[in-house]
Structures are given as structure tokens and as C-alpha cells.
């Protein structure tokens, strides 16, 4: 499986987690997209720095070939899927009180 295929499978899995598994529906909220815009700006800066200095090198046969800020588009897909899945699970578990006992112990 190529890097491109894995990236798009990761996006599909994250979308399924958000919309169908935990049903947080973050993709439908403006707050998510505003947060993601901030995150993606820093992701592009980091990817540019790592790839332009040849710290990270990609096999051109394993990616689409399109780049943004010196990094392959697959990196954006992976970043998007990571952010979406983590936030969806964070909201899901937060609604169920996971970690509530820790918060109450730390409150003065």
C-alpha cells in the first residue's frame, strides 16, 4: 500500500469515527474548521522546514507528487485525520465524564 493510499484510508477512518462511530459531528461545526485552519498553518510551516532541509525525504513513487509548502499533500491528509480523530474522541469521552474525577481533584 502506498503512502497516498494509507493517507486517504486514514481520512476516511477519521470521518467515519466523527460522523458515525462517536457521532460528535465536528466536521459540521465552524469551530472545528476555525481550529483546523490554525493547526494547518503550523503544520505547513513545520512540513516546509522539515522537507526543505531534507530532514524528511519522500520516495516520489509513493506519493502523488503534488506539494504544498514543500511537503506532499498526503501529509496534509494525515494531519487532518489525526486532528479530527483526536478531537472527536476527546469530545466523545468528555461527554461521558472520562477524566472528570481528575478535574475535581485538581480544583481548589
Protein backbone atom coordinates (compact mmCIF):
# COMPACT_ATOMS: atom_id res chain seq x y z
CA UNK A 1 0.00 0.00 0.00
CA UNK A 2 1.39 3.41 -0.93
CA UNK A 3 1.70 6.45 1.30
CA UNK A 4 -1.12 8.05 -0.71
CA UNK A 5 -3.48 5.13 -0.18
CA UNK A 6 -2.75 4.99 3.54
CA UNK A 7 -3.34 8.75 3.85
CA UNK A 8 -6.76 8.54 2.24
CA UNK A 9 -7.73 5.48 4.27
CA UNK A 10 -6.77 7.45 7.41
CA UNK A 11 -9.01 10.35 6.33
CA UNK A 12 -11.92 8.00 5.62
CA UNK A 13 -11.49 6.32 9.02
CA UNK A 14 -11.40 9.67 10.84
CA UNK A 15 -14.50 10.91 9.05
CA UNK A 16 -16.28 7.64 9.91
CA UNK A 17 -15.23 7.97 13.55
CA UNK A 18 -16.54 11.55 13.74
CA UNK A 19 -19.81 11.14 11.85
CA UNK A 20 -20.82 7.54 12.53
CA UNK A 21 -18.93 5.90 15.39
CA UNK A 22 -18.86 8.57 18.11
CA UNK A 23 -21.28 10.95 16.35
CA UNK A 24 -19.60 14.15 17.52
CA UNK A 25 -20.17 15.68 14.05
CA UNK A 26 -17.20 18.03 14.40
CA UNK A 27 -16.92 18.26 10.61
CA UNK A 28 -20.21 20.15 10.60
CA UNK A 29 -19.08 22.82 13.08
CA UNK A 30 -17.47 26.16 12.33
CA UNK A 31 -15.37 25.92 15.49
CA UNK A 32 -13.66 22.81 14.17
CA UNK A 33 -12.78 24.43 10.85
CA UNK A 34 -11.51 27.59 12.57
CA UNK A 35 -9.32 25.46 14.85
CA UNK A 36 -8.12 23.37 11.94
CA UNK A 37 -7.14 26.49 9.97
CA UNK A 38 -4.81 27.48 12.80
CA UNK A 39 -3.40 23.97 13.10
CA UNK A 40 -2.84 23.53 9.35
CA UNK A 41 -0.91 26.80 9.17
CA UNK A 42 1.59 25.48 11.71
CA UNK A 43 1.62 22.07 10.05
CA UNK A 44 2.57 23.67 6.74
CA UNK A 45 5.33 25.65 8.40
CA UNK A 46 6.70 22.55 10.11
CA UNK A 47 6.43 20.40 6.99
CA UNK A 48 8.16 23.08 4.92
CA UNK A 49 11.02 23.29 7.42
CA UNK A 50 11.49 19.50 7.61
CA UNK A 51 11.26 18.80 3.89
CA UNK A 52 13.13 21.82 2.54
CA UNK A 53 16.13 20.93 4.70
CA UNK A 54 15.95 17.27 3.60
CA UNK A 55 15.35 16.11 7.17
CA UNK A 56 12.37 14.19 5.79
CA UNK A 57 12.61 12.79 2.25
CA UNK A 58 9.78 11.07 0.39
CA UNK A 59 10.01 8.40 -2.26
CA UNK A 60 8.49 10.10 -5.30
CA UNK A 61 6.99 6.78 -6.39
CA UNK A 62 4.96 6.53 -3.18
CA UNK A 63 3.26 9.96 -3.29
CA UNK A 64 1.00 11.83 -5.70
CA UNK A 65 3.73 14.33 -6.45
CA UNK A 66 1.75 17.45 -5.61
CA UNK A 67 3.37 19.55 -2.89
CA UNK A 68 2.26 22.43 -0.71
CA UNK A 69 4.89 24.31 1.27
CA UNK A 70 7.45 21.75 0.14
CA UNK A 71 5.55 18.80 1.65
CA UNK A 72 3.40 16.24 -0.17
CA UNK A 73 -0.37 16.63 0.03
CA UNK A 74 -0.53 13.29 1.79
CA UNK A 75 0.99 14.94 4.85
CA UNK A 76 -1.97 17.31 4.99
CA UNK A 77 -4.33 14.35 4.77
CA UNK A 78 -2.56 12.59 7.63
CA UNK A 79 -2.57 15.76 9.72
CA UNK A 80 -6.25 16.30 9.07
CA UNK A 81 -7.15 12.73 10.01
CA UNK A 82 -5.07 12.90 13.18
CA UNK A 83 -6.61 16.18 14.34
CA UNK A 84 -10.16 15.09 13.52
CA UNK A 85 -9.90 11.68 15.18
CA UNK A 86 -8.26 13.03 18.35
CA UNK A 87 -10.75 15.87 18.75
CA UNK A 88 -13.75 13.62 18.04
CA UNK A 89 -12.60 11.14 20.67
CA UNK A 90 -11.78 13.97 23.11
CA UNK A 91 -15.33 15.36 22.81
CA UNK A 92 -16.88 11.90 22.97
CA UNK A 93 -15.03 10.90 26.14
CA UNK A 94 -15.53 14.32 27.69
CA UNK A 95 -19.30 13.99 27.28
CA UNK A 96 -19.11 10.68 29.11
CA UNK A 97 -17.21 12.15 32.04
CA UNK A 98 -13.89 10.47 31.37
CA UNK A 99 -11.35 12.41 33.40
CA UNK A 100 -14.00 14.24 35.45
CA UNK A 101 -12.71 12.71 38.67
CA UNK A 102 -9.23 14.05 37.89
CA UNK A 103 -10.57 17.55 37.23
CA UNK A 104 -12.50 17.63 40.51
CA UNK A 105 -9.38 16.60 42.50
CA UNK A 106 -7.33 19.42 40.99
CA UNK A 107 -9.92 22.14 41.57
CA UNK A 108 -9.24 24.28 44.67
